[in-house]
Amino acid sequence: MRKARMSKNRLEAFSDGVIAIIITIMVLEMKVPQGESIDVLSPLIPVFLSYVLSFVYVGIYWNNHHHMLHACNMVTGPILWANLHLLFWLSLFPFATAWMGENHFAAVPSALYGVVLLMAAIAYWILQQLIIASQGPDSLLKKAIGSDWKGKISPALYLISIATAFWSQWISQGIFVLVAMIWLVPDRRIEKVLADKEI
């Protein structure tokens, strides 16, 4: 029986809206301090740094999600549910970010932050695999991601960061930053495959 295929436009619009709301909620978690001297901002530094890190992560997911959907012409029911699964974990970013920042990168909040990052990575991988499966043996997305070393190494690093949160908060945070930096390096694989297809 052939699977029903639907336009991806609503999925893209809904995802963009949810991600925009996630970023808005995160910035609203930074409460305005009482007072007018520069000293009152000091307690907000961990909260601000947590926000910056999460903003970068959400931006990375939005960017990669955007590129991935460009390699997908139509969506199926399983793809819609997998996308909702990804958005669920991304929607927990504001809570995990605020808790970690408010508690100055303490062990348990940092470990929870790592769990949210890990689950978001797994959810993204599931969505990616369902799109590839829907495209068949000549999948453009499969050709574009290749060995996907970034996608394979990131969950392993998240697991290490979760474990090290109880030993050294700075190593744990350093791993979060390292993974973000790995993904910030421009990756033109999908753009190249799409450009080659149009030639």
C-alpha atoms as a PDB file:
ATOM      1  CA  MET A   1       0.000   0.000   0.000  1.00  0.00           C
ATOM      2  CA  ARG A   2       1.398   3.367  -1.000  1.00  0.00           C
ATOM      3  CA  LYS A   3       1.946   5.960   1.739  1.00  0.00           C
ATOM      4  CA  ALA A   4       0.063   9.231   1.459  1.00  0.00           C
ATOM      5  CA  ARG A   5       2.309  12.207   0.753  1.00  0.00           C
ATOM      6  CA  MET A   6       1.522  15.789   1.696  1.00  0.00           C
ATOM      7  CA  SER A   7       2.960  19.224   1.084  1.00  0.00           C
ATOM      8  CA  LYS A   8       5.762  20.249   3.440  1.00  0.00           C
ATOM      9  CA  ASN A   9       4.685  23.919   3.603  1.00  0.00           C
ATOM     10  CA  ARG A  10       2.588  23.631   6.769  1.00  0.00           C
ATOM     11  CA  LEU A  11       5.269  21.574   8.499  1.00  0.00           C
ATOM     12  CA  GLU A  12       7.874  24.256   7.725  1.00  0.00           C
ATOM     13  CA  ALA A  13       5.614  27.120   8.823  1.00  0.00           C
ATOM     14  CA  PHE A  14       4.599  25.389  12.061  1.00  0.00           C
ATOM     15  CA  SER A  15       8.197  24.464  12.894  1.00  0.00           C
ATOM     16  CA  ASP A  16       9.436  28.004  12.249  1.00  0.00           C
ATOM     17  CA  GLY A  17       6.708  29.394  14.496  1.00  0.00           C
ATOM     18  CA  VAL A  18       7.480  27.005  17.352  1.00  0.00           C
ATOM     19  CA  ILE A  19      11.214  27.702  17.151  1.00  0.00           C
ATOM     20  CA  ALA A  20      10.580  31.462  17.172  1.00  0.00           C
ATOM     21  CA  ILE A  21       8.439  31.059  20.298  1.00  0.00           C
ATOM     22  CA  ILE A  22      11.151  28.948  21.965  1.00  0.00           C
ATOM     23  CA  ILE A  23      13.698  31.730  21.465  1.00  0.00           C
ATOM     24  CA  THR A  24      11.230  34.314  22.757  1.00  0.00           C
ATOM     25  CA  ILE A  25      10.518  32.311  25.909  1.00  0.00           C
ATOM     26  CA  MET A  26      14.231  31.853  26.563  1.00  0.00           C
ATOM     27  CA  VAL A  27      14.950  35.586  26.467  1.00  0.00           C
ATOM     28  CA  LEU A  28      11.947  36.315  28.683  1.00  0.00           C
ATOM     29  CA  GLU A  29      13.498  34.068  31.345  1.00  0.00           C
ATOM     30  CA  MET A  30      16.143  36.761  31.884  1.00  0.00           C
ATOM     31  CA  LYS A  31      14.436  38.875  34.510  1.00  0.00           C
ATOM     32  CA  VAL A  32      15.241  42.585  34.731  1.00  0.00           C
ATOM     33  CA  PRO A  33      17.292  43.184  37.913  1.00  0.00           C
ATOM     34  CA  GLN A  34      16.316  45.690  40.579  1.00  0.00           C
ATOM     35  CA  GLY A  35      18.679  48.647  40.692  1.00  0.00           C
ATOM     36  CA  GLU A  36      20.543  50.830  38.256  1.00  0.00           C
ATOM     37  CA  SER A  37      24.221  50.084  38.928  1.00  0.00           C
ATOM     38  CA  ILE A  38      26.304  47.744  36.795  1.00  0.00           C
ATOM     39  CA  ASP A  39      26.788  45.494  39.834  1.00  0.00           C
ATOM     40  CA  VAL A  40      23.198  44.235  39.708  1.00  0.00           C
ATOM     41  CA  LEU A  41      23.977  42.543  36.385  1.00  0.00           C
ATOM     42  CA  SER A  42      26.613  40.223  37.876  1.00  0.00           C
ATOM     43  CA  PRO A  43      24.118  37.568  39.084  1.00  0.00           C
ATOM     44  CA  LEU A  44      22.662  37.467  35.558  1.00  0.00           C
ATOM     45  CA  ILE A  45      25.942  36.440  33.892  1.00  0.00           C
ATOM     46  CA  PRO A  46      25.308  32.644  34.196  1.00  0.00           C
ATOM     47  CA  VAL A  47      21.735  33.144  32.975  1.00  0.00           C
ATOM     48  CA  PHE A  48      22.967  35.192  30.014  1.00  0.00           C
ATOM     49  CA  LEU A  49      25.674  32.666  29.107  1.00  0.00           C
ATOM     50  CA  SER A  50      23.128  29.843  29.262  1.00  0.00           C
ATOM     51  CA  TYR A  51      20.831  31.854  27.002  1.00  0.00           C
ATOM     52  CA  VAL A  52      23.620  32.487  24.474  1.00  0.00           C
ATOM     53  CA  LEU A  53      24.501  28.775  24.367  1.00  0.00           C
ATOM     54  CA  SER A  54      20.877  27.717  23.920  1.00  0.00           C
ATOM     55  CA  PHE A  55      20.239  30.441  21.335  1.00  0.00           C
ATOM     56  CA  VAL A  56      23.141  29.061  19.295  1.00  0.00           C
ATOM     57  CA  TYR A  57      21.803  25.501  19.623  1.00  0.00           C
ATOM     58  CA  VAL A  58      18.274  26.477  18.604  1.00  0.00           C
ATOM     59  CA  GLY A  59      19.741  28.453  15.694  1.00  0.00           C
ATOM     60  CA  ILE A  60      21.727  25.390  14.601  1.00  0.00           C
ATOM     61  CA  TYR A  61      18.605  23.215  14.710  1.00  0.00           C
ATOM     62  CA  TRP A  62      16.584  25.793  12.781  1.00  0.00           C
ATOM     63  CA  ASN A  63      19.307  26.123  10.136  1.00  0.00           C
ATOM     64  CA  ASN A  64      19.777  22.370   9.683  1.00  0.00           C
ATOM     65  CA  HIS A  65      16.023  21.715   9.765  1.00  0.00           C
ATOM     66  CA  HIS A  66      15.585  24.342   7.037  1.00  0.00           C
ATOM     67  CA  HIS A  67      18.251  22.741   4.841  1.00  0.00           C
ATOM     68  CA  MET A  68      16.980  19.215   5.478  1.00  0.00           C
ATOM     69  CA  LEU A  69      13.452  20.120   4.387  1.00  0.00           C
ATOM     70  CA  HIS A  70      14.832  21.639   1.187  1.00  0.00           C
ATOM     71  CA  ALA A  71      15.924  18.114   0.283  1.00  0.00           C
ATOM     72  CA  CYS A  72      12.395  16.827   0.976  1.00  0.00           C
ATOM     73  CA  ASN A  73       9.636  17.478  -1.551  1.00  0.00           C
ATOM     74  CA  MET A  74       6.724  15.884   0.294  1.00  0.00           C
ATOM     75  CA  VAL A  75       6.049  14.646   3.820  1.00  0.00           C
ATOM     76  CA  THR A  76       4.296  11.605   5.238  1.00  0.00           C
ATOM     77  CA  GLY A  77       2.382  11.020   8.469  1.00  0.00           C
ATOM     78  CA  PRO A  78       5.414   9.481  10.236  1.00  0.00           C
ATOM     79  CA  ILE A  79       7.515  12.495   9.213  1.00  0.00           C
ATOM     80  CA  LEU A  80       4.936  14.848  10.739  1.00  0.00           C
ATOM     81  CA  TRP A  81       5.021  12.936  14.035  1.00  0.00           C
ATOM     82  CA  ALA A  82       8.808  12.760  14.023  1.00  0.00           C
ATOM     83  CA  ASN A  83       8.917  16.521  13.490  1.00  0.00           C
ATOM     84  CA  LEU A  84       6.589  17.027  16.471  1.00  0.00           C
ATOM     85  CA  HIS A  85       8.864  14.749  18.502  1.00  0.00           C
ATOM     86  CA  LEU A  86      11.824  17.003  17.655  1.00  0.00           C
ATOM     87  CA  LEU A  87       9.857  20.143  18.513  1.00  0.00           C
ATOM     88  CA  PHE A  88       8.886  18.604  21.862  1.00  0.00           C
ATOM     89  CA  TRP A  89      12.519  18.300  22.932  1.00  0.00           C
ATOM     90  CA  LEU A  90      13.397  21.721  21.539  1.00  0.00           C
ATOM     91  CA  SER A  91      10.488  23.190  23.511  1.00  0.00           C
ATOM     92  CA  LEU A  92      12.212  22.047  26.720  1.00  0.00           C
ATOM     93  CA  PHE A  93      15.221  24.259  25.989  1.00  0.00           C
ATOM     94  CA  PRO A  94      13.797  27.297  27.828  1.00  0.00           C
ATOM     95  CA  PHE A  95      13.202  25.312  31.026  1.00  0.00           C
ATOM     96  CA  ALA A  96      16.555  23.502  30.954  1.00  0.00           C
ATOM     97  CA  THR A  97      18.373  26.728  30.051  1.00  0.00           C
ATOM     98  CA  ALA A  98      16.765  28.733  32.841  1.00  0.00           C
ATOM     99  CA  TRP A  99      17.330  26.049  35.468  1.00  0.00           C
ATOM    100  CA  MET A 100      20.990  25.653  34.539  1.00  0.00           C
ATOM    101  CA  GLY A 101      21.620  29.397  34.434  1.00  0.00           C
ATOM    102  CA  GLU A 102      19.784  30.205  37.648  1.00  0.00           C
ATOM    103  CA  ASN A 103      21.796  27.543  39.479  1.00  0.00           C
ATOM    104  CA  HIS A 104      25.167  28.634  38.050  1.00  0.00           C
ATOM    105  CA  PHE A 105      25.791  25.451  36.021  1.00  0.00           C
ATOM    106  CA  ALA A 106      25.279  23.086  38.984  1.00  0.00           C
ATOM    107  CA  ALA A 107      25.587  19.340  38.367  1.00  0.00           C
ATOM    108  CA  VAL A 108      21.958  18.197  38.142  1.00  0.00           C
ATOM    109  CA  PRO A 109      20.674  21.139  36.037  1.00  0.00           C
ATOM    110  CA  SER A 110      23.682  20.772  33.694  1.00  0.00           C
ATOM    111  CA  ALA A 111      23.083  17.038  33.388  1.00  0.00           C
ATOM    112  CA  LEU A 112      19.411  17.655  32.566  1.00  0.00           C
ATOM    113  CA  TYR A 113      20.463  20.208  29.952  1.00  0.00           C
ATOM    114  CA  GLY A 114      22.674  17.516  28.441  1.00  0.00           C
ATOM    115  CA  VAL A 115      19.784  15.040  28.430  1.00  0.00           C
ATOM    116  CA  VAL A 116      17.599  17.542  26.553  1.00  0.00           C
ATOM    117  CA  LEU A 117      20.372  18.102  24.008  1.00  0.00           C
ATOM    118  CA  LEU A 118      20.847  14.347  23.619  1.00  0.00           C
ATOM    119  CA  MET A 119      17.140  13.684  23.116  1.00  0.00           C
ATOM    120  CA  ALA A 120      16.858  16.540  20.604  1.00  0.00           C
ATOM    121  CA  ALA A 121      19.774  15.036  18.664  1.00  0.00           C
ATOM    122  CA  ILE A 122      18.120  11.607  18.658  1.00  0.00           C
ATOM    123  CA  ALA A 123      14.799  13.138  17.563  1.00  0.00           C
ATOM    124  CA  TYR A 124      16.536  14.983  14.719  1.00  0.00           C
ATOM    125  CA  TRP A 125      18.212  11.748  13.605  1.00  0.00           C
ATOM    126  CA  ILE A 126      14.851   9.919  13.595  1.00  0.00           C
ATOM    127  CA  LEU A 127      13.291  12.687  11.471  1.00  0.00           C
ATOM    128  CA  GLN A 128      16.242  12.587   9.108  1.00  0.00           C
ATOM    129  CA  GLN A 129      16.012   8.798   8.701  1.00  0.00           C
ATOM    130  CA  LEU A 130      12.262   8.925   8.010  1.00  0.00           C
ATOM    131  CA  ILE A 131      12.788  11.540   5.306  1.00  0.00           C
ATOM    132  CA  ILE A 132      15.506   9.387   3.746  1.00  0.00           C
ATOM    133  CA  ALA A 133      13.246   6.313   3.896  1.00  0.00           C
ATOM    134  CA  SER A 134      10.404   8.225   2.234  1.00  0.00           C
ATOM    135  CA  GLN A 135      12.664   9.231  -0.658  1.00  0.00           C
ATOM    136  CA  GLY A 136      13.673   5.697  -1.553  1.00  0.00           C
ATOM    137  CA  PRO A 137      17.052   4.344  -2.695  1.00  0.00           C
ATOM    138  CA  ASP A 138      17.973   7.527  -4.589  1.00  0.00           C
ATOM    139  CA  SER A 139      17.479   9.802  -1.580  1.00  0.00           C
ATOM    140  CA  LEU A 140      18.979  13.247  -2.058  1.00  0.00           C
ATOM    141  CA  LEU A 141      19.239  13.704   1.702  1.00  0.00           C
ATOM    142  CA  LYS A 142      21.135  10.433   2.146  1.00  0.00           C
ATOM    143  CA  LYS A 143      23.564  11.470  -0.556  1.00  0.00           C
ATOM    144  CA  ALA A 144      23.977  14.900   1.036  1.00  0.00           C
ATOM    145  CA  ILE A 145      24.693  13.816   4.620  1.00  0.00           C
ATOM    146  CA  GLY A 146      27.132  11.091   3.600  1.00  0.00           C
ATOM    147  CA  SER A 147      28.787   9.501   6.651  1.00  0.00           C
ATOM    148  CA  ASP A 148      27.249  12.193   8.905  1.00  0.00           C
ATOM    149  CA  TRP A 149      30.162  12.200  11.351  1.00  0.00           C
ATOM    150  CA  LYS A 150      28.766  15.240  13.154  1.00  0.00           C
ATOM    151  CA  GLY A 151      25.471  13.477  13.767  1.00  0.00           C
ATOM    152  CA  LYS A 152      27.288  10.411  15.124  1.00  0.00           C
ATOM    153  CA  ILE A 153      29.798  12.140  17.385  1.00  0.00           C
ATOM    154  CA  SER A 154      27.369  14.636  18.954  1.00  0.00           C
ATOM    155  CA  PRO A 155      25.267  12.121  20.984  1.00  0.00           C
ATOM    156  CA  ALA A 156      28.462  10.496  22.286  1.00  0.00           C
ATOM    157  CA  LEU A 157      29.765  13.885  23.423  1.00  0.00           C
ATOM    158  CA  TYR A 158      26.422  14.683  25.072  1.00  0.00           C
ATOM    159  CA  LEU A 159      26.614  11.423  27.040  1.00  0.00           C
ATOM    160  CA  ILE A 160      30.121  12.340  28.201  1.00  0.00           C
ATOM    161  CA  SER A 161      28.954  15.824  29.204  1.00  0.00           C
ATOM    162  CA  ILE A 162      26.059  14.367  31.230  1.00  0.00           C
ATOM    163  CA  ALA A 163      28.438  12.093  33.128  1.00  0.00           C
ATOM    164  CA  THR A 164      31.098  14.757  33.697  1.00  0.00           C
ATOM    165  CA  ALA A 165      28.513  17.258  34.999  1.00  0.00           C
ATOM    166  CA  PHE A 166      28.755  15.452  38.348  1.00  0.00           C
ATOM    167  CA  TRP A 167      32.540  15.662  38.338  1.00  0.00           C
ATOM    168  CA  SER A 168      33.466  18.946  36.670  1.00  0.00           C
ATOM    169  CA  GLN A 169      30.893  21.520  35.603  1.00  0.00           C
ATOM    170  CA  TRP A 170      33.445  23.315  33.439  1.00  0.00           C
ATOM    171  CA  ILE A 171      34.352  20.230  31.420  1.00  0.00           C
ATOM    172  CA  SER A 172      30.653  19.493  30.964  1.00  0.00           C
ATOM    173  CA  GLN A 173      29.963  23.044  29.780  1.00  0.00           C
ATOM    174  CA  GLY A 174      33.058  22.932  27.591  1.00  0.00           C
ATOM    175  CA  ILE A 175      31.691  19.874  25.799  1.00  0.00           C
ATOM    176  CA  PHE A 176      28.381  21.669  25.175  1.00  0.00           C
ATOM    177  CA  VAL A 177      30.314  24.559  23.648  1.00  0.00           C
ATOM    178  CA  LEU A 178      32.531  22.187  21.623  1.00  0.00           C
ATOM    179  CA  VAL A 179      29.536  20.458  20.011  1.00  0.00           C
ATOM    180  CA  ALA A 180      27.976  23.826  19.182  1.00  0.00           C
ATOM    181  CA  MET A 181      31.233  24.974  17.567  1.00  0.00           C
ATOM    182  CA  ILE A 182      31.423  21.767  15.506  1.00  0.00           C
ATOM    183  CA  TRP A 183      27.953  22.468  14.101  1.00  0.00           C
ATOM    184  CA  LEU A 184      28.632  26.174  13.569  1.00  0.00           C
ATOM    185  CA  VAL A 185      31.240  25.345  10.920  1.00  0.00           C
ATOM    186  CA  PRO A 186      29.462  26.004   7.594  1.00  0.00           C
ATOM    187  CA  ASP A 187      28.220  22.782   6.014  1.00  0.00           C
ATOM    188  CA  ARG A 188      27.220  23.055   2.368  1.00  0.00           C
ATOM    189  CA  ARG A 189      26.503  19.373   1.665  1.00  0.00           C
ATOM    190  CA  ILE A 190      22.753  19.684   1.128  1.00  0.00           C
ATOM    191  CA  GLU A 191      23.126  22.924  -0.834  1.00  0.00           C
ATOM    192  CA  LYS A 192      25.712  21.252  -3.090  1.00  0.00           C
ATOM    193  CA  VAL A 193      23.543  18.184  -3.755  1.00  0.00           C
ATOM    194  CA  LEU A 194      20.517  20.368  -4.590  1.00  0.00           C
ATOM    195  CA  ALA A 195      22.623  22.578  -6.848  1.00  0.00           C
ATOM    196  CA  ASP A 196      24.002  19.528  -8.670  1.00  0.00           C
ATOM    197  CA  LYS A 197      20.462  18.229  -9.184  1.00  0.00           C
ATOM    198  CA  GLU A 198      19.399  21.499 -10.832  1.00  0.00           C
ATOM    199  CA  ILE A 199      22.309  21.449 -13.289  1.00  0.00           C
END
